[in-house]
Amino acid sequence: MINLDYTFIDKYTGTSFKLNIDVTNPDTGAVTDPSSVTVSLSDPNGDLEIDGLAATRDAEGDYHYIITVPSIIGAYRGQTKCVSGDSKTTIKTFGFWAEASL
């Protein structure tokens, strides 16, 4: 299971926020390290801004990725993807709205 936490005040182009990714075993609820944790992000035009880049491991089952909001105003859609040692894949989606920087 993937839990996401991203809180940021300004959703303006050019600003950054931290996407926290917590990974647990869906059967036991225990934190776990999968084989890989990646992040992808598409801009409002559907173009990939981030294409399956690895998240940074902070501790067992605890990862993050810093996202800098691109320059296009509109709705962004992303996903985190975790692949376990037995090749099971879990995907969790997220999204946000970007506005012109001040």
PDB file of N, CA and C in Angstrom:
ATOM      1  N   MET A   1       0.847  -1.163   0.000  1.00  0.00           N
ATOM      2  CA  MET A   1       0.000   0.000   0.000  1.00  0.00           C
ATOM      3  C   MET A   1       0.898   1.232   0.000  1.00  0.00           C
ATOM      4  N   ILE A   2       0.482   2.268  -0.717  1.00  0.00           N
ATOM      5  CA  ILE A   2       1.220   3.517  -0.778  1.00  0.00           C
ATOM      6  C   ILE A   2       0.360   4.608  -0.143  1.00  0.00           C
ATOM      7  N   ASN A   3       0.923   5.352   0.778  1.00  0.00           N
ATOM      8  CA  ASN A   3       0.269   6.525   1.339  1.00  0.00           C
ATOM      9  C   ASN A   3       1.060   7.742   0.911  1.00  0.00           C
ATOM     10  N   LEU A   4       0.347   8.772   0.412  1.00  0.00           N
ATOM     11  CA  LEU A   4       1.002   9.991  -0.051  1.00  0.00           C
ATOM     12  C   LEU A   4       0.630  11.146   0.856  1.00  0.00           C
ATOM     13  N   ASP A   5       1.576  12.041   1.059  1.00  0.00           N
ATOM     14  CA  ASP A   5       1.320  13.255   1.824  1.00  0.00           C
ATOM     15  C   ASP A   5       2.079  14.383   1.145  1.00  0.00           C
ATOM     16  N   TYR A   6       1.338  15.357   0.662  1.00  0.00           N
ATOM     17  CA  TYR A   6       1.994  16.524   0.101  1.00  0.00           C
ATOM     18  C   TYR A   6       1.161  17.737   0.464  1.00  0.00           C
ATOM     19  N   THR A   7       1.762  18.612   1.217  1.00  0.00           N
ATOM     20  CA  THR A   7       1.093  19.828   1.644  1.00  0.00           C
ATOM     21  C   THR A   7       1.964  21.005   1.240  1.00  0.00           C
ATOM     22  N   PHE A   8       1.379  21.912   0.502  1.00  0.00           N
ATOM     23  CA  PHE A   8       2.122  23.113   0.145  1.00  0.00           C
ATOM     24  C   PHE A   8       1.128  24.267   0.064  1.00  0.00           C
ATOM     25  N   ILE A   9       1.568  25.440   0.458  1.00  0.00           N
ATOM     26  CA  ILE A   9       0.683  26.600   0.516  1.00  0.00           C
ATOM     27  C   ILE A   9       0.546  27.217  -0.867  1.00  0.00           C
ATOM     28  N   ASP A  10       1.669  27.481  -1.518  1.00  0.00           N
ATOM     29  CA  ASP A  10       1.650  28.131  -2.821  1.00  0.00           C
ATOM     30  C   ASP A  10       1.773  27.094  -3.921  1.00  0.00           C
ATOM     31  N   LYS A  11       0.805  27.078  -4.816  1.00  0.00           N
ATOM     32  CA  LYS A  11       0.840  26.160  -5.952  1.00  0.00           C
ATOM     33  C   LYS A  11       1.219  26.952  -7.193  1.00  0.00           C
ATOM     34  N   TYR A  12       2.258  27.741  -7.055  1.00  0.00           N
ATOM     35  CA  TYR A  12       2.644  28.627  -8.143  1.00  0.00           C
ATOM     36  C   TYR A  12       3.762  28.013  -8.973  1.00  0.00           C
ATOM     37  N   THR A  13       3.771  28.337 -10.255  1.00  0.00           N
ATOM     38  CA  THR A  13       4.823  27.834 -11.122  1.00  0.00           C
ATOM     39  C   THR A  13       6.181  28.269 -10.585  1.00  0.00           C
ATOM     40  N   GLY A  14       7.121  27.380 -10.647  1.00  0.00           N
ATOM     41  CA  GLY A  14       8.464  27.666 -10.183  1.00  0.00           C
ATOM     42  C   GLY A  14       8.708  27.348  -8.713  1.00  0.00           C
ATOM     43  N   THR A  15       7.656  27.091  -7.938  1.00  0.00           N
ATOM     44  CA  THR A  15       7.837  26.715  -6.539  1.00  0.00           C
ATOM     45  C   THR A  15       7.993  25.200  -6.440  1.00  0.00           C
ATOM     46  N   SER A  16       8.458  24.744  -5.294  1.00  0.00           N
ATOM     47  CA  SER A  16       8.671  23.314  -5.092  1.00  0.00           C
ATOM     48  C   SER A  16       7.907  22.828  -3.880  1.00  0.00           C
ATOM     49  N   PHE A  17       7.601  21.535  -3.877  1.00  0.00           N
ATOM     50  CA  PHE A  17       7.010  20.911  -2.699  1.00  0.00           C
ATOM     51  C   PHE A  17       7.532  19.487  -2.569  1.00  0.00           C
ATOM     52  N   LYS A  18       7.429  18.968  -1.361  1.00  0.00           N
ATOM     53  CA  LYS A  18       7.929  17.630  -1.062  1.00  0.00           C
ATOM     54  C   LYS A  18       6.772  16.645  -1.066  1.00  0.00           C
ATOM     55  N   LEU A  19       6.861  15.644  -1.904  1.00  0.00           N
ATOM     56  CA  LEU A  19       5.889  14.561  -1.962  1.00  0.00           C
ATOM     57  C   LEU A  19       6.419  13.449  -1.062  1.00  0.00           C
ATOM     58  N   ASN A  20       5.757  13.208   0.063  1.00  0.00           N
ATOM     59  CA  ASN A  20       6.153  12.134   0.977  1.00  0.00           C
ATOM     60  C   ASN A  20       5.425  10.859   0.589  1.00  0.00           C
ATOM     61  N   ILE A  21       6.163   9.760   0.530  1.00  0.00           N
ATOM     62  CA  ILE A  21       5.627   8.479   0.097  1.00  0.00           C
ATOM     63  C   ILE A  21       5.933   7.444   1.178  1.00  0.00           C
ATOM     64  N   ASP A  22       4.890   6.910   1.797  1.00  0.00           N
ATOM     65  CA  ASP A  22       5.043   5.872   2.813  1.00  0.00           C
ATOM     66  C   ASP A  22       4.564   4.555   2.227  1.00  0.00           C
ATOM     67  N   VAL A  23       5.372   3.513   2.352  1.00  0.00           N
ATOM     68  CA  VAL A  23       5.047   2.220   1.757  1.00  0.00           C
ATOM     69  C   VAL A  23       4.885   1.186   2.876  1.00  0.00           C
ATOM     70  N   THR A  24       3.753   0.490   2.862  1.00  0.00           N
ATOM     71  CA  THR A  24       3.496  -0.575   3.833  1.00  0.00           C
ATOM     72  C   THR A  24       3.077  -1.846   3.109  1.00  0.00           C
ATOM     73  N   ASN A  25       3.283  -2.964   3.762  1.00  0.00           N
ATOM     74  CA  ASN A  25       2.839  -4.248   3.241  1.00  0.00           C
ATOM     75  C   ASN A  25       1.314  -4.293   3.367  1.00  0.00           C
ATOM     76  N   PRO A  26       0.582  -4.499   2.268  1.00  0.00           N
ATOM     77  CA  PRO A  26      -0.879  -4.484   2.340  1.00  0.00           C
ATOM     78  C   PRO A  26      -1.460  -5.618   3.178  1.00  0.00           C
ATOM     79  N   ASP A  27      -0.707  -6.692   3.365  1.00  0.00           N
ATOM     80  CA  ASP A  27      -1.204  -7.828   4.136  1.00  0.00           C
ATOM     81  C   ASP A  27      -0.995  -7.643   5.638  1.00  0.00           C
ATOM     82  N   THR A  28       0.151  -7.047   6.009  1.00  0.00           N
ATOM     83  CA  THR A  28       0.481  -6.940   7.434  1.00  0.00           C
ATOM     84  C   THR A  28       0.398  -5.522   7.980  1.00  0.00           C
ATOM     85  N   GLY A  29       0.463  -4.525   7.091  1.00  0.00           N
ATOM     86  CA  GLY A  29       0.472  -3.132   7.532  1.00  0.00           C
ATOM     87  C   GLY A  29       1.842  -2.650   7.982  1.00  0.00           C
ATOM     88  N   ALA A  30       2.845  -3.531   7.940  1.00  0.00           N
ATOM     89  CA  ALA A  30       4.203  -3.170   8.358  1.00  0.00           C
ATOM     90  C   ALA A  30       4.883  -2.343   7.272  1.00  0.00           C
ATOM     91  N   VAL A  31       5.714  -1.377   7.697  1.00  0.00           N
ATOM     92  CA  VAL A  31       6.481  -0.614   6.716  1.00  0.00           C
ATOM     93  C   VAL A  31       7.415  -1.557   5.991  1.00  0.00           C
ATOM     94  N   THR A  32       7.654  -1.268   4.728  1.00  0.00           N
ATOM     95  CA  THR A  32       8.483  -2.153   3.913  1.00  0.00           C
ATOM     96  C   THR A  32       9.180  -1.365   2.818  1.00  0.00           C
ATOM     97  N   ASP A  33      10.288  -1.887   2.352  1.00  0.00           N
ATOM     98  CA  ASP A  33      10.992  -1.307   1.220  1.00  0.00           C
ATOM     99  C   ASP A  33      10.713  -2.141  -0.021  1.00  0.00           C
ATOM    100  N   PRO A  34      10.065  -1.555  -1.024  1.00  0.00           N
ATOM    101  CA  PRO A  34       9.888  -2.280  -2.276  1.00  0.00           C
ATOM    102  C   PRO A  34      11.186  -2.265  -3.084  1.00  0.00           C
ATOM    103  N   SER A  35      11.189  -2.956  -4.205  1.00  0.00           N
ATOM    104  CA  SER A  35      12.356  -2.963  -5.092  1.00  0.00           C
ATOM    105  C   SER A  35      12.597  -1.581  -5.687  1.00  0.00           C
ATOM    106  N   SER A  36      11.502  -0.868  -5.998  1.00  0.00           N
ATOM    107  CA  SER A  36      11.645   0.479  -6.558  1.00  0.00           C
ATOM    108  C   SER A  36      10.426   1.333  -6.207  1.00  0.00           C
ATOM    109  N   VAL A  37      10.684   2.637  -6.085  1.00  0.00           N
ATOM    110  CA  VAL A  37       9.630   3.644  -5.885  1.00  0.00           C
ATOM    111  C   VAL A  37       9.928   4.755  -6.879  1.00  0.00           C
ATOM    112  N   THR A  38       9.010   4.975  -7.819  1.00  0.00           N
ATOM    113  CA  THR A  38       9.225   6.001  -8.840  1.00  0.00           C
ATOM    114  C   THR A  38       8.057   6.982  -8.877  1.00  0.00           C
ATOM    115  N   VAL A  39       8.335   8.158  -9.451  1.00  0.00           N
ATOM    116  CA  VAL A  39       7.346   9.227  -9.565  1.00  0.00           C
ATOM    117  C   VAL A  39       7.278   9.671 -11.018  1.00  0.00           C
ATOM    118  N   SER A  40       6.051   9.884 -11.503  1.00  0.00           N
ATOM    119  CA  SER A  40       5.822  10.446 -12.836  1.00  0.00           C
ATOM    120  C   SER A  40       4.847  11.602 -12.705  1.00  0.00           C
ATOM    121  N   LEU A  41       4.954  12.584 -13.594  1.00  0.00           N
ATOM    122  CA  LEU A  41       4.075  13.756 -13.551  1.00  0.00           C
ATOM    123  C   LEU A  41       3.812  14.247 -14.960  1.00  0.00           C
ATOM    124  N   SER A  42       2.532  14.463 -15.282  1.00  0.00           N
ATOM    125  CA  SER A  42       2.139  15.012 -16.581  1.00  0.00           C
ATOM    126  C   SER A  42       1.606  16.418 -16.402  1.00  0.00           C
ATOM    127  N   ASP A  43       1.956  17.302 -17.338  1.00  0.00           N
ATOM    128  CA  ASP A  43       1.471  18.681 -17.286  1.00  0.00           C
ATOM    129  C   ASP A  43       0.052  18.763 -17.847  1.00  0.00           C
ATOM    130  N   PRO A  44      -0.570  19.950 -17.818  1.00  0.00           N
ATOM    131  CA  PRO A  44      -1.952  20.081 -18.307  1.00  0.00           C
ATOM    132  C   PRO A  44      -2.152  19.682 -19.773  1.00  0.00           C
ATOM    133  N   ASN A  45      -1.073  19.688 -20.559  1.00  0.00           N
ATOM    134  CA  ASN A  45      -1.166  19.278 -21.962  1.00  0.00           C
ATOM    135  C   ASN A  45      -1.009  17.771 -22.141  1.00  0.00           C
ATOM    136  N   GLY A  46      -0.730  17.059 -21.033  1.00  0.00           N
ATOM    137  CA  GLY A  46      -0.538  15.618 -21.100  1.00  0.00           C
ATOM    138  C   GLY A  46       0.897  15.198 -21.357  1.00  0.00           C
ATOM    139  N   ASP A  47       1.804  16.168 -21.446  1.00  0.00           N
ATOM    140  CA  ASP A  47       3.218  15.858 -21.671  1.00  0.00           C
ATOM    141  C   ASP A  47       3.879  15.467 -20.350  1.00  0.00           C
ATOM    142  N   LEU A  48       4.744  14.462 -20.395  1.00  0.00           N
ATOM    143  CA  LEU A  48       5.458  14.024 -19.198  1.00  0.00           C
ATOM    144  C   LEU A  48       6.524  15.035 -18.811  1.00  0.00           C
ATOM    145  N   GLU A  49       6.427  15.542 -17.601  1.00  0.00           N
ATOM    146  CA  GLU A  49       7.443  16.433 -17.037  1.00  0.00           C
ATOM    147  C   GLU A  49       8.445  15.609 -16.231  1.00  0.00           C
ATOM    148  N   ILE A  50       7.943  14.579 -15.544  1.00  0.00           N
ATOM    149  CA  ILE A  50       8.765  13.646 -14.769  1.00  0.00           C
ATOM    150  C   ILE A  50       8.367  12.255 -15.243  1.00  0.00           C
ATOM    151  N   ASP A  51       9.327  11.482 -15.694  1.00  0.00           N
ATOM    152  CA  ASP A  51       9.013  10.186 -16.288  1.00  0.00           C
ATOM    153  C   ASP A  51       9.667   9.045 -15.516  1.00  0.00           C
ATOM    154  N   GLY A  52       8.989   8.576 -14.476  1.00  0.00           N
ATOM    155  CA  GLY A  52       9.439   7.408 -13.737  1.00  0.00           C
ATOM    156  C   GLY A  52      10.773   7.573 -13.038  1.00  0.00           C
ATOM    157  N   LEU A  53      11.005   8.739 -12.429  1.00  0.00           N
ATOM    158  CA  LEU A  53      12.263   8.963 -11.718  1.00  0.00           C
ATOM    159  C   LEU A  53      12.188   8.408 -10.303  1.00  0.00           C
ATOM    160  N   ALA A  54      13.306   7.927  -9.805  1.00  0.00           N
ATOM    161  CA  ALA A  54      13.359   7.286  -8.490  1.00  0.00           C
ATOM    162  C   ALA A  54      13.156   8.294  -7.362  1.00  0.00           C
ATOM    163  N   ALA A  55      12.355   7.886  -6.379  1.00  0.00           N
ATOM    164  CA  ALA A  55      12.183   8.677  -5.159  1.00  0.00           C
ATOM    165  C   ALA A  55      13.376   8.411  -4.241  1.00  0.00           C
ATOM    166  N   THR A  56      13.635   9.339  -3.324  1.00  0.00           N
ATOM    167  CA  THR A  56      14.740   9.216  -2.370  1.00  0.00           C
ATOM    168  C   THR A  56      14.273   8.469  -1.132  1.00  0.00           C
ATOM    169  N   ARG A  57      15.050   7.479  -0.703  1.00  0.00           N
ATOM    170  CA  ARG A  57      14.727   6.703   0.498  1.00  0.00           C
ATOM    171  C   ARG A  57      15.241   7.448   1.724  1.00  0.00           C
ATOM    172  N   ASP A  58      14.349   7.701   2.702  1.00  0.00           N
ATOM    173  CA  ASP A  58      14.720   8.356   3.951  1.00  0.00           C
ATOM    174  C   ASP A  58      14.901   7.345   5.083  1.00  0.00           C
ATOM    175  N   ALA A  59      14.098   6.310   5.081  1.00  0.00           N
ATOM    176  CA  ALA A  59      14.141   5.236   6.080  1.00  0.00           C
ATOM    177  C   ALA A  59      13.321   4.086   5.509  1.00  0.00           C
ATOM    178  N   GLU A  60      13.272   2.971   6.228  1.00  0.00           N
ATOM    179  CA  GLU A  60      12.508   1.829   5.734  1.00  0.00           C
ATOM    180  C   GLU A  60      11.058   2.248   5.467  1.00  0.00           C
ATOM    181  N   GLY A  61      10.609   2.051   4.234  1.00  0.00           N
ATOM    182  CA  GLY A  61       9.242   2.367   3.844  1.00  0.00           C
ATOM    183  C   GLY A  61       8.927   3.852   3.745  1.00  0.00           C
ATOM    184  N   ASP A  62       9.934   4.711   3.875  1.00  0.00           N
ATOM    185  CA  ASP A  62       9.741   6.168   3.900  1.00  0.00           C
ATOM    186  C   ASP A  62      10.570   6.792   2.778  1.00  0.00           C
ATOM    187  N   TYR A  63       9.878   7.383   1.799  1.00  0.00           N
ATOM    188  CA  TYR A  63      10.519   7.958   0.621  1.00  0.00           C
ATOM    189  C   TYR A  63       9.995   9.369   0.387  1.00  0.00           C
ATOM    190  N   HIS A  64      10.723  10.136  -0.423  1.00  0.00           N
ATOM    191  CA  HIS A  64      10.220  11.457  -0.820  1.00  0.00           C
ATOM    192  C   HIS A  64      10.734  11.802  -2.220  1.00  0.00           C
ATOM    193  N   TYR A  65      10.050  12.772  -2.816  1.00  0.00           N
ATOM    194  CA  TYR A  65      10.470  13.316  -4.104  1.00  0.00           C
ATOM    195  C   TYR A  65      10.132  14.801  -4.088  1.00  0.00           C
ATOM    196  N   ILE A  66      11.097  15.643  -4.463  1.00  0.00           N
ATOM    197  CA  ILE A  66      10.861  17.090  -4.531  1.00  0.00           C
ATOM    198  C   ILE A  66      10.370  17.418  -5.939  1.00  0.00           C
ATOM    199  N   ILE A  67       9.192  18.021  -6.007  1.00  0.00           N
ATOM    200  CA  ILE A  67       8.610  18.395  -7.298  1.00  0.00           C
ATOM    201  C   ILE A  67       8.661  19.906  -7.430  1.00  0.00           C
ATOM    202  N   THR A  68       9.281  20.386  -8.495  1.00  0.00           N
ATOM    203  CA  THR A  68       9.248  21.806  -8.835  1.00  0.00           C
ATOM    204  C   THR A  68       8.130  21.988  -9.849  1.00  0.00           C
ATOM    205  N   VAL A  69       7.188  22.856  -9.524  1.00  0.00           N
ATOM    206  CA  VAL A  69       6.012  23.058 -10.382  1.00  0.00           C
ATOM    207  C   VAL A  69       6.459  23.703 -11.695  1.00  0.00           C
ATOM    208  N   PRO A  70       6.197  23.030 -12.833  1.00  0.00           N
ATOM    209  CA  PRO A  70       6.583  23.579 -14.130  1.00  0.00           C
ATOM    210  C   PRO A  70       5.842  24.878 -14.452  1.00  0.00           C
ATOM    211  N   SER A  71       6.173  25.468 -15.593  1.00  0.00           N
ATOM    212  CA  SER A  71       5.684  26.808 -15.937  1.00  0.00           C
ATOM    213  C   SER A  71       4.282  26.846 -16.534  1.00  0.00           C
ATOM    214  N   ILE A  72       3.691  25.725 -16.838  1.00  0.00           N
ATOM    215  CA  ILE A  72       2.360  25.720 -17.469  1.00  0.00           C
ATOM    216  C   ILE A  72       1.281  25.762 -16.390  1.00  0.00           C
ATOM    217  N   ILE A  73       0.345  26.695 -16.536  1.00  0.00           N
ATOM    218  CA  ILE A  73      -0.764  26.837 -15.590  1.00  0.00           C
ATOM    219  C   ILE A  73      -1.810  25.771 -15.896  1.00  0.00           C
ATOM    220  N   GLY A  74      -2.387  25.173 -14.841  1.00  0.00           N
ATOM    221  CA  GLY A  74      -3.444  24.193 -15.034  1.00  0.00           C
ATOM    222  C   GLY A  74      -3.312  22.989 -14.125  1.00  0.00           C
ATOM    223  N   ALA A  75      -4.037  21.928 -14.463  1.00  0.00           N
ATOM    224  CA  ALA A  75      -4.106  20.718 -13.645  1.00  0.00           C
ATOM    225  C   ALA A  75      -2.991  19.741 -14.012  1.00  0.00           C
ATOM    226  N   TYR A  76      -2.238  19.332 -13.013  1.00  0.00           N
ATOM    227  CA  TYR A  76      -1.176  18.345 -13.169  1.00  0.00           C
ATOM    228  C   TYR A  76      -1.632  17.025 -12.584  1.00  0.00           C
ATOM    229  N   ARG A  77      -1.238  15.933 -13.220  1.00  0.00           N
ATOM    230  CA  ARG A  77      -1.570  14.608 -12.735  1.00  0.00           C
ATOM    231  C   ARG A  77      -0.284  13.796 -12.629  1.00  0.00           C
ATOM    232  N   GLY A  78      -0.193  13.068 -11.516  1.00  0.00           N
ATOM    233  CA  GLY A  78       1.011  12.276 -11.309  1.00  0.00           C
ATOM    234  C   GLY A  78       0.694  10.919 -10.724  1.00  0.00           C
ATOM    235  N   GLN A  79       1.733  10.117 -10.613  1.00  0.00           N
ATOM    236  CA  GLN A  79       1.580   8.804  -9.990  1.00  0.00           C
ATOM    237  C   GLN A  79       2.883   8.392  -9.327  1.00  0.00           C
ATOM    238  N   THR A  80       2.731   7.648  -8.255  1.00  0.00           N
ATOM    239  CA  THR A  80       3.871   6.949  -7.667  1.00  0.00           C
ATOM    240  C   THR A  80       3.672   5.476  -7.970  1.00  0.00           C
ATOM    241  N   LYS A  81       4.773   4.812  -8.215  1.00  0.00           N
ATOM    242  CA  LYS A  81       4.712   3.391  -8.575  1.00  0.00           C
ATOM    243  C   LYS A  81       5.722   2.642  -7.719  1.00  0.00           C
ATOM    244  N   CYS A  82       5.241   1.628  -7.019  1.00  0.00           N
ATOM    245  CA  CYS A  82       6.103   0.768  -6.213  1.00  0.00           C
ATOM    246  C   CYS A  82       6.065  -0.633  -6.797  1.00  0.00           C
ATOM    247  N   VAL A  83       7.250  -1.207  -6.979  1.00  0.00           N
ATOM    248  CA  VAL A  83       7.369  -2.582  -7.458  1.00  0.00           C
ATOM    249  C   VAL A  83       8.036  -3.383  -6.357  1.00  0.00           C
ATOM    250  N   SER A  84       7.369  -4.451  -5.921  1.00  0.00           N
ATOM    251  CA  SER A  84       7.913  -5.289  -4.850  1.00  0.00           C
ATOM    252  C   SER A  84       8.889  -6.311  -5.418  1.00  0.00           C
ATOM    253  N   GLY A  85       9.576  -7.012  -4.526  1.00  0.00           N
ATOM    254  CA  GLY A  85      10.549  -8.018  -4.935  1.00  0.00           C
ATOM    255  C   GLY A  85       9.948  -9.141  -5.764  1.00  0.00           C
ATOM    256  N   ASP A  86       8.645  -9.406  -5.587  1.00  0.00           N
ATOM    257  CA  ASP A  86       7.994 -10.459  -6.370  1.00  0.00           C
ATOM    258  C   ASP A  86       7.269  -9.883  -7.589  1.00  0.00           C
ATOM    259  N   SER A  87       7.682  -8.672  -7.991  1.00  0.00           N
ATOM    260  CA  SER A  87       7.192  -7.985  -9.193  1.00  0.00           C
ATOM    261  C   SER A  87       5.738  -7.539  -9.120  1.00  0.00           C
ATOM    262  N   LYS A  88       5.154  -7.480  -7.931  1.00  0.00           N
ATOM    263  CA  LYS A  88       3.813  -6.899  -7.796  1.00  0.00           C
ATOM    264  C   LYS A  88       3.955  -5.384  -7.839  1.00  0.00           C
ATOM    265  N   THR A  89       3.057  -4.736  -8.570  1.00  0.00           N
ATOM    266  CA  THR A  89       3.118  -3.292  -8.754  1.00  0.00           C
ATOM    267  C   THR A  89       1.924  -2.622  -8.099  1.00  0.00           C
ATOM    268  N   THR A  90       2.194  -1.545  -7.356  1.00  0.00           N
ATOM    269  CA  THR A  90       1.140  -0.733  -6.761  1.00  0.00           C
ATOM    270  C   THR A  90       1.309   0.689  -7.269  1.00  0.00           C
ATOM    271  N   ILE A  91       0.211   1.287  -7.737  1.00  0.00           N
ATOM    272  CA  ILE A  91       0.251   2.648  -8.262  1.00  0.00           C
ATOM    273  C   ILE A  91      -0.733   3.501  -7.481  1.00  0.00           C
ATOM    274  N   LYS A  92      -0.300   4.686  -7.102  1.00  0.00           N
ATOM    275  CA  LYS A  92      -1.164   5.653  -6.417  1.00  0.00           C
ATOM    276  C   LYS A  92      -1.063   6.962  -7.182  1.00  0.00           C
ATOM    277  N   THR A  93      -2.213   7.563  -7.488  1.00  0.00           N
ATOM    278  CA  THR A  93      -2.222   8.801  -8.256  1.00  0.00           C
ATOM    279  C   THR A  93      -2.364  10.015  -7.337  1.00  0.00           C
ATOM    280  N   PHE A  94      -1.945  11.166  -7.843  1.00  0.00           N
ATOM    281  CA  PHE A  94      -2.104  12.434  -7.141  1.00  0.00           C
ATOM    282  C   PHE A  94      -2.252  13.526  -8.182  1.00  0.00           C
ATOM    283  N   GLY A  95      -2.653  14.699  -7.752  1.00  0.00           N
ATOM    284  CA  GLY A  95      -2.799  15.811  -8.675  1.00  0.00           C
ATOM    285  C   GLY A  95      -2.784  17.130  -7.936  1.00  0.00           C
ATOM    286  N   PHE A  96      -2.577  18.205  -8.691  1.00  0.00           N
ATOM    287  CA  PHE A  96      -2.631  19.543  -8.128  1.00  0.00           C
ATOM    288  C   PHE A  96      -2.874  20.547  -9.243  1.00  0.00           C
ATOM    289  N   TRP A  97      -3.273  21.754  -8.867  1.00  0.00           N
ATOM    290  CA  TRP A  97      -3.522  22.848  -9.792  1.00  0.00           C
ATOM    291  C   TRP A  97      -2.413  23.866  -9.627  1.00  0.00           C
ATOM    292  N   ALA A  98      -1.796  24.282 -10.713  1.00  0.00           N
ATOM    293  CA  ALA A  98      -0.733  25.290 -10.677  1.00  0.00           C
ATOM    294  C   ALA A  98      -1.248  26.615 -11.211  1.00  0.00           C
ATOM    295  N   GLU A  99      -0.843  27.689 -10.545  1.00  0.00           N
ATOM    296  CA  GLU A  99      -1.213  29.040 -10.956  1.00  0.00           C
ATOM    297  C   GLU A  99       0.050  29.804 -11.310  1.00  0.00           C
ATOM    298  N   ALA A 100      -0.111  30.942 -11.989  1.00  0.00           N
ATOM    299  CA  ALA A 100       1.034  31.767 -12.360  1.00  0.00           C
ATOM    300  C   ALA A 100       1.738  32.261 -11.105  1.00  0.00           C
ATOM    301  N   SER A 101       3.063  32.275 -11.149  1.00  0.00           N
ATOM    302  CA  SER A 101       3.821  32.756  -9.998  1.00  0.00           C
ATOM    303  C   SER A 101       3.574  34.245  -9.788  1.00  0.00           C
ATOM    304  N   LEU A 102       3.725  34.641  -8.554  1.00  0.00           N
ATOM    305  CA  LEU A 102       3.493  36.055  -8.205  1.00  0.00           C
ATOM    306  C   LEU A 102       4.649  36.928  -8.624  1.00  0.00           C
TER     307      LEU A 102
END
